[in-house]
Amino acid sequence: MRICGLGDNVVDRYPQRGLMYPGGNALNVAVHAARLGADAAYLGVTGSDAAGRHVRAALAAEGVRTDRARVADGPNAYSTVHLDAAGNRTFGDCDETVSLFVPDEGDLRWLRGFDLVHTSDYSGMEGQLARLAAACPVSFDFSDRPWSYAAPLLPAVRHAVFSRPDADEREAVQLLDGARELGPELVVVTRGVRGALLVYGDVVHRQPVVPVRATDTLGAGDSFIAGLHVALHTGHTLADAAQRAAAYAARVCTLPGAFGHPLALDPPSRAPMTPAPQ
């Protein structure tokens, strides 16, 4: 499978740990897809600071291609992550800084060589979906955005992912059916501890979570998306692909950050200092 993560990247700052890790939905999906054997690439903008250099080094270490990725003068985008005792995360202050961009015609020609391009509501690509879909099938993570946001975008999306941890069965089914009617062949509604509801073509599947003692749940949804895409593309049934993706996401929850690669922060300024042990 050839898959490209397009758009957002950040460094996730953990003030409680004094560490930061590379992350961002589009970047995470690319990295986890690469770990699962895909030919993966990332197209986005990193900063010229030490944090941006660390993100680029992590992508190189993970074997993710960055043929057309940019470096912009300025600090890399970041988010601040707080963890509770169970490993669940909440987000504090964040800044997109230099990460937003518009793909040019050369990018679109390059994307024609991929099986799937994955982006998200954090990437600022809403106005570019028609152009992207003309070049390559699009996967879009809508996260917890409302229907009014998603509905106009869904006709350009091949794979749609929603996060609804508080939705009951009726609400999840209603969202699944409504999204499927607008065009996507794959719709996923993740529901936290209640697992995920999926439809692929005419097949519906309910996937329970795989129990795990979580260290950090950051990136669990992104790793599930990557695992599902790779397994479906390699010919697995929806049920088998969802089980594989859930098992992989559970393993990811035992690791710090979205996919590792910590970098120490200077406590007073939270500025990046030196690489920390893995």
C-alpha atoms as a PDB file:
ATOM      1  CA  MET A   1       0.000   0.000   0.000  1.00  0.00           C
ATOM      2  CA  ARG A   2       1.166   3.529  -0.788  1.00  0.00           C
ATOM      3  CA  ILE A   3      -0.288   6.040   1.675  1.00  0.00           C
ATOM      4  CA  CYS A   4       0.507   9.698   2.334  1.00  0.00           C
ATOM      5  CA  GLY A   5      -0.293  11.599   5.523  1.00  0.00           C
ATOM      6  CA  LEU A   6      -1.111  15.158   4.475  1.00  0.00           C
ATOM      7  CA  GLY A   7      -1.262  18.197   6.711  1.00  0.00           C
ATOM      8  CA  ASP A   8      -0.869  18.472  10.453  1.00  0.00           C
ATOM      9  CA  ASN A   9       2.216  17.713  12.447  1.00  0.00           C
ATOM     10  CA  VAL A  10       3.100  18.863  15.947  1.00  0.00           C
ATOM     11  CA  VAL A  11       5.394  18.183  18.814  1.00  0.00           C
ATOM     12  CA  ASP A  12       3.275  16.977  21.719  1.00  0.00           C
ATOM     13  CA  ARG A  13       4.667  18.630  24.845  1.00  0.00           C
ATOM     14  CA  TYR A  14       4.314  16.766  28.147  1.00  0.00           C
ATOM     15  CA  PRO A  15       5.177  19.228  30.916  1.00  0.00           C
ATOM     16  CA  GLN A  16       4.672  16.554  33.602  1.00  0.00           C
ATOM     17  CA  ARG A  17       7.417  14.481  31.990  1.00  0.00           C
ATOM     18  CA  GLY A  18       9.619  17.293  30.743  1.00  0.00           C
ATOM     19  CA  LEU A  19       9.494  15.660  27.309  1.00  0.00           C
ATOM     20  CA  MET A  20       7.994  16.189  23.894  1.00  0.00           C
ATOM     21  CA  TYR A  21       7.236  13.714  21.126  1.00  0.00           C
ATOM     22  CA  PRO A  22       6.527  14.060  17.390  1.00  0.00           C
ATOM     23  CA  GLY A  23       2.821  13.783  16.569  1.00  0.00           C
ATOM     24  CA  GLY A  24      -0.187  15.093  14.687  1.00  0.00           C
ATOM     25  CA  ASN A  25      -2.960  13.056  13.085  1.00  0.00           C
ATOM     26  CA  ALA A  26      -1.671  13.017   9.510  1.00  0.00           C
ATOM     27  CA  LEU A  27       1.910  12.372  10.568  1.00  0.00           C
ATOM     28  CA  ASN A  28       0.930   9.654  13.058  1.00  0.00           C
ATOM     29  CA  VAL A  29      -1.077   7.745  10.444  1.00  0.00           C
ATOM     30  CA  ALA A  30       1.894   7.826   8.067  1.00  0.00           C
ATOM     31  CA  VAL A  31       4.313   6.558  10.726  1.00  0.00           C
ATOM     32  CA  HIS A  32       2.065   3.740  11.926  1.00  0.00           C
ATOM     33  CA  ALA A  33       1.299   2.700   8.357  1.00  0.00           C
ATOM     34  CA  ALA A  34       5.050   2.497   7.710  1.00  0.00           C
ATOM     35  CA  ARG A  35       5.493   0.353  10.816  1.00  0.00           C
ATOM     36  CA  LEU A  36       2.823  -1.982   9.459  1.00  0.00           C
ATOM     37  CA  GLY A  37       4.628  -2.415   6.151  1.00  0.00           C
ATOM     38  CA  ALA A  38       3.120   0.296   3.950  1.00  0.00           C
ATOM     39  CA  ASP A  39       5.093   2.530   1.613  1.00  0.00           C
ATOM     40  CA  ALA A  40       4.303   5.684   3.588  1.00  0.00           C
ATOM     41  CA  ALA A  41       5.020   9.356   3.030  1.00  0.00           C
ATOM     42  CA  TYR A  42       4.297  12.620   4.817  1.00  0.00           C
ATOM     43  CA  LEU A  43       3.535  15.937   3.122  1.00  0.00           C
ATOM     44  CA  GLY A  44       3.378  18.953   5.388  1.00  0.00           C
ATOM     45  CA  VAL A  45       5.351  21.828   6.862  1.00  0.00           C
ATOM     46  CA  THR A  46       7.757  21.575   9.780  1.00  0.00           C
ATOM     47  CA  GLY A  47       9.494  24.424  11.551  1.00  0.00           C
ATOM     48  CA  SER A  48      13.116  25.494  11.313  1.00  0.00           C
ATOM     49  CA  ASP A  49      13.706  25.121  15.066  1.00  0.00           C
ATOM     50  CA  ALA A  50      15.042  22.165  17.045  1.00  0.00           C
ATOM     51  CA  ALA A  51      11.518  20.746  17.399  1.00  0.00           C
ATOM     52  CA  GLY A  52      11.057  20.754  13.624  1.00  0.00           C
ATOM     53  CA  ARG A  53      14.432  19.105  13.136  1.00  0.00           C
ATOM     54  CA  HIS A  54      13.410  16.421  15.620  1.00  0.00           C
ATOM     55  CA  VAL A  55      10.165  15.730  13.752  1.00  0.00           C
ATOM     56  CA  ARG A  56      12.071  15.352  10.490  1.00  0.00           C
ATOM     57  CA  ALA A  57      14.641  13.066  12.135  1.00  0.00           C
ATOM     58  CA  ALA A  58      11.862  10.870  13.533  1.00  0.00           C
ATOM     59  CA  LEU A  59      10.241  10.547  10.104  1.00  0.00           C
ATOM     60  CA  ALA A  60      13.579   9.541   8.596  1.00  0.00           C
ATOM     61  CA  ALA A  61      14.151   6.992  11.370  1.00  0.00           C
ATOM     62  CA  GLU A  62      10.696   5.500  10.751  1.00  0.00           C
ATOM     63  CA  GLY A  63      11.260   5.187   7.008  1.00  0.00           C
ATOM     64  CA  VAL A  64       8.536   7.681   6.088  1.00  0.00           C
ATOM     65  CA  ARG A  65       9.309   9.473   2.830  1.00  0.00           C
ATOM     66  CA  THR A  66       9.254  13.272   2.811  1.00  0.00           C
ATOM     67  CA  ASP A  67       9.897  13.952  -0.883  1.00  0.00           C
ATOM     68  CA  ARG A  68       7.764  17.098  -1.011  1.00  0.00           C
ATOM     69  CA  ALA A  69       7.598  18.124   2.648  1.00  0.00           C
ATOM     70  CA  ARG A  70       8.506  21.735   3.428  1.00  0.00           C
ATOM     71  CA  VAL A  71      10.517  23.504   6.099  1.00  0.00           C
ATOM     72  CA  ALA A  72       9.328  27.000   7.007  1.00  0.00           C
ATOM     73  CA  ASP A  73      11.168  29.614   9.013  1.00  0.00           C
ATOM     74  CA  GLY A  74       9.695  29.637  12.502  1.00  0.00           C
ATOM     75  CA  PRO A  75       8.816  27.321  15.397  1.00  0.00           C
ATOM     76  CA  ASN A  76       7.223  23.958  14.762  1.00  0.00           C
ATOM     77  CA  ALA A  77       3.545  23.521  15.607  1.00  0.00           C
ATOM     78  CA  TYR A  78       2.931  22.124  19.093  1.00  0.00           C
ATOM     79  CA  SER A  79       0.262  20.947  21.493  1.00  0.00           C
ATOM     80  CA  THR A  80       0.441  20.525  25.256  1.00  0.00           C
ATOM     81  CA  VAL A  81      -0.674  17.180  26.660  1.00  0.00           C
ATOM     82  CA  HIS A  82      -1.701  16.389  30.232  1.00  0.00           C
ATOM     83  CA  LEU A  83      -2.126  12.785  31.409  1.00  0.00           C
ATOM     84  CA  ASP A  84      -4.223  11.398  34.240  1.00  0.00           C
ATOM     85  CA  ALA A  85      -3.323   8.343  36.307  1.00  0.00           C
ATOM     86  CA  ALA A  86      -4.970   6.006  33.783  1.00  0.00           C
ATOM     87  CA  GLY A  87      -2.957   7.360  30.855  1.00  0.00           C
ATOM     88  CA  ASN A  88      -5.864   9.296  29.355  1.00  0.00           C
ATOM     89  CA  ARG A  89      -4.881  12.620  27.861  1.00  0.00           C
ATOM     90  CA  THR A  90      -6.314  16.100  27.731  1.00  0.00           C
ATOM     91  CA  PHE A  91      -4.937  18.941  25.665  1.00  0.00           C
ATOM     92  CA  GLY A  92      -3.804  22.333  26.902  1.00  0.00           C
ATOM     93  CA  ASP A  93      -2.434  25.230  24.880  1.00  0.00           C
ATOM     94  CA  CYS A  94      -1.436  24.655  21.267  1.00  0.00           C
ATOM     95  CA  ASP A  95      -0.225  26.612  18.252  1.00  0.00           C
ATOM     96  CA  GLU A  96      -0.435  25.699  14.546  1.00  0.00           C
ATOM     97  CA  THR A  97       2.403  28.162  13.731  1.00  0.00           C
ATOM     98  CA  VAL A  98       3.884  27.288  10.318  1.00  0.00           C
ATOM     99  CA  SER A  99       2.059  23.994   9.706  1.00  0.00           C
ATOM    100  CA  LEU A 100      -0.825  25.199   7.514  1.00  0.00           C
ATOM    101  CA  PHE A 101      -0.289  25.244   3.739  1.00  0.00           C
ATOM    102  CA  VAL A 102      -2.042  24.738   0.409  1.00  0.00           C
ATOM    103  CA  PRO A 103      -0.870  21.850  -1.824  1.00  0.00           C
ATOM    104  CA  ASP A 104       0.373  23.069  -5.186  1.00  0.00           C
ATOM    105  CA  GLU A 105      -0.036  21.427  -8.577  1.00  0.00           C
ATOM    106  CA  GLY A 106       3.251  19.573  -8.193  1.00  0.00           C
ATOM    107  CA  ASP A 107       1.983  18.076  -4.928  1.00  0.00           C
ATOM    108  CA  LEU A 108      -1.215  16.931  -6.605  1.00  0.00           C
ATOM    109  CA  ARG A 109       0.664  15.281  -9.471  1.00  0.00           C
ATOM    110  CA  TRP A 110       2.856  13.508  -6.911  1.00  0.00           C
ATOM    111  CA  LEU A 111      -0.169  12.321  -4.901  1.00  0.00           C
ATOM    112  CA  ARG A 112      -1.551  10.543  -7.972  1.00  0.00           C
ATOM    113  CA  GLY A 113       1.006   7.828  -7.282  1.00  0.00           C
ATOM    114  CA  PHE A 114      -0.610   6.895  -3.937  1.00  0.00           C
ATOM    115  CA  ASP A 115      -3.444   4.539  -3.084  1.00  0.00           C
ATOM    116  CA  LEU A 116      -4.734   6.829  -0.333  1.00  0.00           C
ATOM    117  CA  VAL A 117      -4.050  10.259   1.132  1.00  0.00           C
ATOM    118  CA  HIS A 118      -5.021  10.772   4.758  1.00  0.00           C
ATOM    119  CA  THR A 119      -5.769  14.157   6.313  1.00  0.00           C
ATOM    120  CA  SER A 120      -7.860  15.542   9.155  1.00  0.00           C
ATOM    121  CA  ASP A 121      -9.825  18.401  10.628  1.00  0.00           C
ATOM    122  CA  TYR A 122      -6.575  19.747  12.112  1.00  0.00           C
ATOM    123  CA  SER A 123      -4.896  20.162   8.725  1.00  0.00           C
ATOM    124  CA  GLY A 124      -6.799  23.054   7.161  1.00  0.00           C
ATOM    125  CA  MET A 125      -7.508  21.053   4.001  1.00  0.00           C
ATOM    126  CA  GLU A 126     -11.291  21.466   3.919  1.00  0.00           C
ATOM    127  CA  GLY A 127     -11.144  23.804   0.938  1.00  0.00           C
ATOM    128  CA  GLN A 128      -8.755  21.483  -0.921  1.00  0.00           C
ATOM    129  CA  LEU A 129     -10.675  18.202  -0.701  1.00  0.00           C
ATOM    130  CA  ALA A 130     -12.099  18.351  -4.218  1.00  0.00           C
ATOM    131  CA  ARG A 131      -8.609  18.913  -5.650  1.00  0.00           C
ATOM    132  CA  LEU A 132      -7.172  16.137  -3.507  1.00  0.00           C
ATOM    133  CA  ALA A 133      -9.938  13.684  -4.402  1.00  0.00           C
ATOM    134  CA  ALA A 134      -9.298  14.289  -8.109  1.00  0.00           C
ATOM    135  CA  ALA A 135      -5.701  13.176  -7.557  1.00  0.00           C
ATOM    136  CA  CYS A 136      -6.066  10.335  -5.042  1.00  0.00           C
ATOM    137  CA  PRO A 137      -8.719   8.702  -2.831  1.00  0.00           C
ATOM    138  CA  VAL A 138      -9.038  10.673   0.417  1.00  0.00           C
ATOM    139  CA  SER A 139      -9.258   9.460   4.001  1.00  0.00           C
ATOM    140  CA  PHE A 140     -10.458  12.136   6.439  1.00  0.00           C
ATOM    141  CA  ASP A 141     -10.562  12.085  10.227  1.00  0.00           C
ATOM    142  CA  PHE A 142     -13.455  14.298  11.330  1.00  0.00           C
ATOM    143  CA  SER A 143     -12.705  13.665  15.017  1.00  0.00           C
ATOM    144  CA  ASP A 144     -15.614  14.997  17.113  1.00  0.00           C
ATOM    145  CA  ARG A 145     -16.696  17.667  14.638  1.00  0.00           C
ATOM    146  CA  PRO A 146     -20.464  18.158  14.242  1.00  0.00           C
ATOM    147  CA  TRP A 147     -22.529  16.940  11.310  1.00  0.00           C
ATOM    148  CA  SER A 148     -22.811  20.489   9.954  1.00  0.00           C
ATOM    149  CA  TYR A 149     -19.030  20.477   9.462  1.00  0.00           C
ATOM    150  CA  ALA A 150     -18.793  16.974   8.019  1.00  0.00           C
ATOM    151  CA  ALA A 151     -21.749  16.807   5.641  1.00  0.00           C
ATOM    152  CA  PRO A 152     -20.434  19.237   2.968  1.00  0.00           C
ATOM    153  CA  LEU A 153     -17.065  17.433   2.910  1.00  0.00           C
ATOM    154  CA  LEU A 154     -18.172  13.801   2.838  1.00  0.00           C
ATOM    155  CA  PRO A 155     -18.897  13.580  -0.938  1.00  0.00           C
ATOM    156  CA  ALA A 156     -15.168  14.089  -1.601  1.00  0.00           C
ATOM    157  CA  VAL A 157     -14.070  11.501   0.987  1.00  0.00           C
ATOM    158  CA  ARG A 158     -13.491   7.780   0.363  1.00  0.00           C
ATOM    159  CA  HIS A 159     -12.795   6.818   4.007  1.00  0.00           C
ATOM    160  CA  ALA A 160     -14.420   8.815   6.840  1.00  0.00           C
ATOM    161  CA  VAL A 161     -13.566   8.516  10.538  1.00  0.00           C
ATOM    162  CA  PHE A 162     -15.538  10.041  13.424  1.00  0.00           C
ATOM    163  CA  SER A 163     -14.918  10.064  17.167  1.00  0.00           C
ATOM    164  CA  ARG A 164     -18.042   9.820  19.335  1.00  0.00           C
ATOM    165  CA  PRO A 165     -17.050   8.411  22.750  1.00  0.00           C
ATOM    166  CA  ASP A 166     -20.328   9.533  24.335  1.00  0.00           C
ATOM    167  CA  ALA A 167     -22.676   8.376  21.571  1.00  0.00           C
ATOM    168  CA  ASP A 168     -25.198   5.660  22.310  1.00  0.00           C
ATOM    169  CA  GLU A 169     -25.914   2.885  19.805  1.00  0.00           C
ATOM    170  CA  ARG A 170     -28.725   4.772  18.082  1.00  0.00           C
ATOM    171  CA  GLU A 171     -26.612   7.920  17.619  1.00  0.00           C
ATOM    172  CA  ALA A 172     -23.633   5.943  16.312  1.00  0.00           C
ATOM    173  CA  VAL A 173     -25.759   4.028  13.796  1.00  0.00           C
ATOM    174  CA  GLN A 174     -27.452   7.224  12.662  1.00  0.00           C
ATOM    175  CA  LEU A 175     -24.075   8.876  12.047  1.00  0.00           C
ATOM    176  CA  LEU A 176     -22.769   5.804  10.248  1.00  0.00           C
ATOM    177  CA  ASP A 177     -25.785   5.610   7.948  1.00  0.00           C
ATOM    178  CA  GLY A 178     -25.893   9.339   7.268  1.00  0.00           C
ATOM    179  CA  ALA A 179     -22.222   9.500   6.343  1.00  0.00           C
ATOM    180  CA  ARG A 180     -22.384   6.408   4.144  1.00  0.00           C
ATOM    181  CA  GLU A 181     -25.265   7.860   2.144  1.00  0.00           C
ATOM    182  CA  LEU A 182     -23.095  10.826   1.125  1.00  0.00           C
ATOM    183  CA  GLY A 183     -20.485   8.707  -0.631  1.00  0.00           C
ATOM    184  CA  PRO A 184     -17.655   7.196   1.485  1.00  0.00           C
ATOM    185  CA  GLU A 185     -17.126   3.458   1.026  1.00  0.00           C
ATOM    186  CA  LEU A 186     -15.684   3.141   4.541  1.00  0.00           C
ATOM    187  CA  VAL A 187     -17.130   4.900   7.590  1.00  0.00           C
ATOM    188  CA  VAL A 188     -15.736   4.422  11.096  1.00  0.00           C
ATOM    189  CA  VAL A 189     -17.267   5.698  14.327  1.00  0.00           C
ATOM    190  CA  THR A 190     -14.904   5.173  17.261  1.00  0.00           C
ATOM    191  CA  ARG A 191     -16.595   5.146  20.669  1.00  0.00           C
ATOM    192  CA  GLY A 192     -13.788   5.002  23.226  1.00  0.00           C
ATOM    193  CA  VAL A 193     -14.132   2.065  25.612  1.00  0.00           C
ATOM    194  CA  ARG A 194     -17.207   0.884  23.680  1.00  0.00           C
ATOM    195  CA  GLY A 195     -15.114   0.109  20.637  1.00  0.00           C
ATOM    196  CA  ALA A 196     -15.877   1.081  17.054  1.00  0.00           C
ATOM    197  CA  LEU A 197     -18.746   0.760  14.616  1.00  0.00           C
ATOM    198  CA  LEU A 198     -17.718   0.355  10.979  1.00  0.00           C
ATOM    199  CA  VAL A 199     -19.313  -0.024   7.569  1.00  0.00           C
ATOM    200  CA  TYR A 200     -17.338  -0.961   4.445  1.00  0.00           C
ATOM    201  CA  GLY A 201     -19.406  -1.303   1.322  1.00  0.00           C
ATOM    202  CA  ASP A 202     -22.435  -3.261   2.502  1.00  0.00           C
ATOM    203  CA  VAL A 203     -20.696  -4.908   5.481  1.00  0.00           C
ATOM    204  CA  VAL A 204     -21.272  -3.612   9.022  1.00  0.00           C
ATOM    205  CA  HIS A 205     -18.999  -4.590  11.923  1.00  0.00           C
ATOM    206  CA  ARG A 206     -18.859  -3.811  15.632  1.00  0.00           C
ATOM    207  CA  GLN A 207     -15.309  -3.956  16.953  1.00  0.00           C
ATOM    208  CA  PRO A 208     -14.702  -4.153  20.715  1.00  0.00           C
ATOM    209  CA  VAL A 209     -11.600  -2.622  22.232  1.00  0.00           C
ATOM    210  CA  VAL A 210      -8.676  -4.898  23.079  1.00  0.00           C
ATOM    211  CA  PRO A 211      -8.053  -4.638  26.853  1.00  0.00           C
ATOM    212  CA  VAL A 212      -4.693  -3.178  27.776  1.00  0.00           C
ATOM    213  CA  ARG A 213      -3.008  -1.407  30.673  1.00  0.00           C
ATOM    214  CA  ALA A 214      -2.471   1.946  28.953  1.00  0.00           C
ATOM    215  CA  THR A 215       0.589   4.084  29.459  1.00  0.00           C
ATOM    216  CA  ASP A 216      -0.553   6.818  27.081  1.00  0.00           C
ATOM    217  CA  THR A 217      -3.654   6.820  24.870  1.00  0.00           C
ATOM    218  CA  LEU A 218      -2.311   9.559  22.583  1.00  0.00           C
ATOM    219  CA  GLY A 219      -2.262   8.300  19.010  1.00  0.00           C
ATOM    220  CA  ALA A 220      -4.501   5.289  19.685  1.00  0.00           C
ATOM    221  CA  GLY A 221      -7.121   6.420  17.183  1.00  0.00           C
ATOM    222  CA  ASP A 222      -4.501   7.308  14.578  1.00  0.00           C
ATOM    223  CA  SER A 223      -2.832   3.906  14.924  1.00  0.00           C
ATOM    224  CA  PHE A 224      -6.250   2.215  14.572  1.00  0.00           C
ATOM    225  CA  ILE A 225      -6.870   4.170  11.354  1.00  0.00           C
ATOM    226  CA  ALA A 226      -3.464   3.202   9.948  1.00  0.00           C
ATOM    227  CA  GLY A 227      -3.907  -0.443  10.882  1.00  0.00           C
ATOM    228  CA  LEU A 228      -7.369  -0.574   9.332  1.00  0.00           C
ATOM    229  CA  HIS A 229      -6.261   1.036   6.054  1.00  0.00           C
ATOM    230  CA  VAL A 230      -3.269  -1.277   5.656  1.00  0.00           C
ATOM    231  CA  ALA A 231      -5.199  -4.444   6.506  1.00  0.00           C
ATOM    232  CA  LEU A 232      -8.108  -3.633   4.168  1.00  0.00           C
ATOM    233  CA  HIS A 233      -5.747  -2.787   1.329  1.00  0.00           C
ATOM    234  CA  THR A 234      -3.951  -6.105   1.724  1.00  0.00           C
ATOM    235  CA  GLY A 235      -7.207  -8.034   1.308  1.00  0.00           C
ATOM    236  CA  HIS A 236      -8.427  -8.727   4.836  1.00  0.00           C
ATOM    237  CA  THR A 237     -12.137  -8.777   5.558  1.00  0.00           C
ATOM    238  CA  LEU A 238     -13.586  -5.849   7.497  1.00  0.00           C
ATOM    239  CA  ALA A 239     -13.897  -7.931  10.682  1.00  0.00           C
ATOM    240  CA  ASP A 240     -10.330  -9.224  10.452  1.00  0.00           C
ATOM    241  CA  ALA A 241      -8.939  -5.784   9.537  1.00  0.00           C
ATOM    242  CA  ALA A 242     -10.758  -4.137  12.453  1.00  0.00           C
ATOM    243  CA  GLN A 243      -9.500  -6.779  14.899  1.00  0.00           C
ATOM    244  CA  ARG A 244      -5.929  -6.342  13.676  1.00  0.00           C
ATOM    245  CA  ALA A 245      -6.235  -2.561  13.929  1.00  0.00           C
ATOM    246  CA  ALA A 246      -7.664  -2.751  17.466  1.00  0.00           C
ATOM    247  CA  ALA A 247      -4.882  -5.084  18.603  1.00  0.00           C
ATOM    248  CA  TYR A 248      -2.255  -2.793  17.115  1.00  0.00           C
ATOM    249  CA  ALA A 249      -3.811   0.295  18.722  1.00  0.00           C
ATOM    250  CA  ALA A 250      -3.798  -1.477  22.086  1.00  0.00           C
ATOM    251  CA  ARG A 251      -0.068  -2.098  21.773  1.00  0.00           C
ATOM    252  CA  VAL A 252       0.482   1.561  20.893  1.00  0.00           C
ATOM    253  CA  CYS A 253      -1.308   2.563  24.129  1.00  0.00           C
ATOM    254  CA  THR A 254       1.477   0.879  26.110  1.00  0.00           C
ATOM    255  CA  LEU A 255       4.072   3.262  24.649  1.00  0.00           C
ATOM    256  CA  PRO A 256       4.727   6.923  25.504  1.00  0.00           C
ATOM    257  CA  GLY A 257       3.738   9.593  23.011  1.00  0.00           C
ATOM    258  CA  ALA A 258       2.077   8.894  19.685  1.00  0.00           C
ATOM    259  CA  PHE A 259       4.948   6.692  18.476  1.00  0.00           C
ATOM    260  CA  GLY A 260       7.932   7.393  20.730  1.00  0.00           C
ATOM    261  CA  HIS A 261      11.016   9.491  19.874  1.00  0.00           C
ATOM    262  CA  PRO A 262      11.127  11.691  23.010  1.00  0.00           C
ATOM    263  CA  LEU A 263      13.065  14.927  23.231  1.00  0.00           C
ATOM    264  CA  ALA A 264      13.798  16.654  26.529  1.00  0.00           C
ATOM    265  CA  LEU A 265      12.310  20.050  27.336  1.00  0.00           C
ATOM    266  CA  ASP A 266      13.961  22.783  29.308  1.00  0.00           C
ATOM    267  CA  PRO A 267      11.597  23.146  32.333  1.00  0.00           C
ATOM    268  CA  PRO A 268      11.538  26.959  32.569  1.00  0.00           C
ATOM    269  CA  SER A 269      10.971  27.681  28.873  1.00  0.00           C
ATOM    270  CA  ARG A 270       9.884  24.264  27.597  1.00  0.00           C
ATOM    271  CA  ALA A 271      12.368  24.752  24.791  1.00  0.00           C
ATOM    272  CA  PRO A 272      13.824  21.581  23.224  1.00  0.00           C
ATOM    273  CA  MET A 273      17.171  20.519  24.595  1.00  0.00           C
ATOM    274  CA  THR A 274      18.624  17.076  23.965  1.00  0.00           C
ATOM    275  CA  PRO A 275      17.287  13.682  22.879  1.00  0.00           C
ATOM    276  CA  ALA A 276      16.026  11.558  25.761  1.00  0.00           C
ATOM    277  CA  PRO A 277      16.412   7.791  26.004  1.00  0.00           C
ATOM    278  CA  GLN A 278      13.712   5.765  24.219  1.00  0.00           C
END
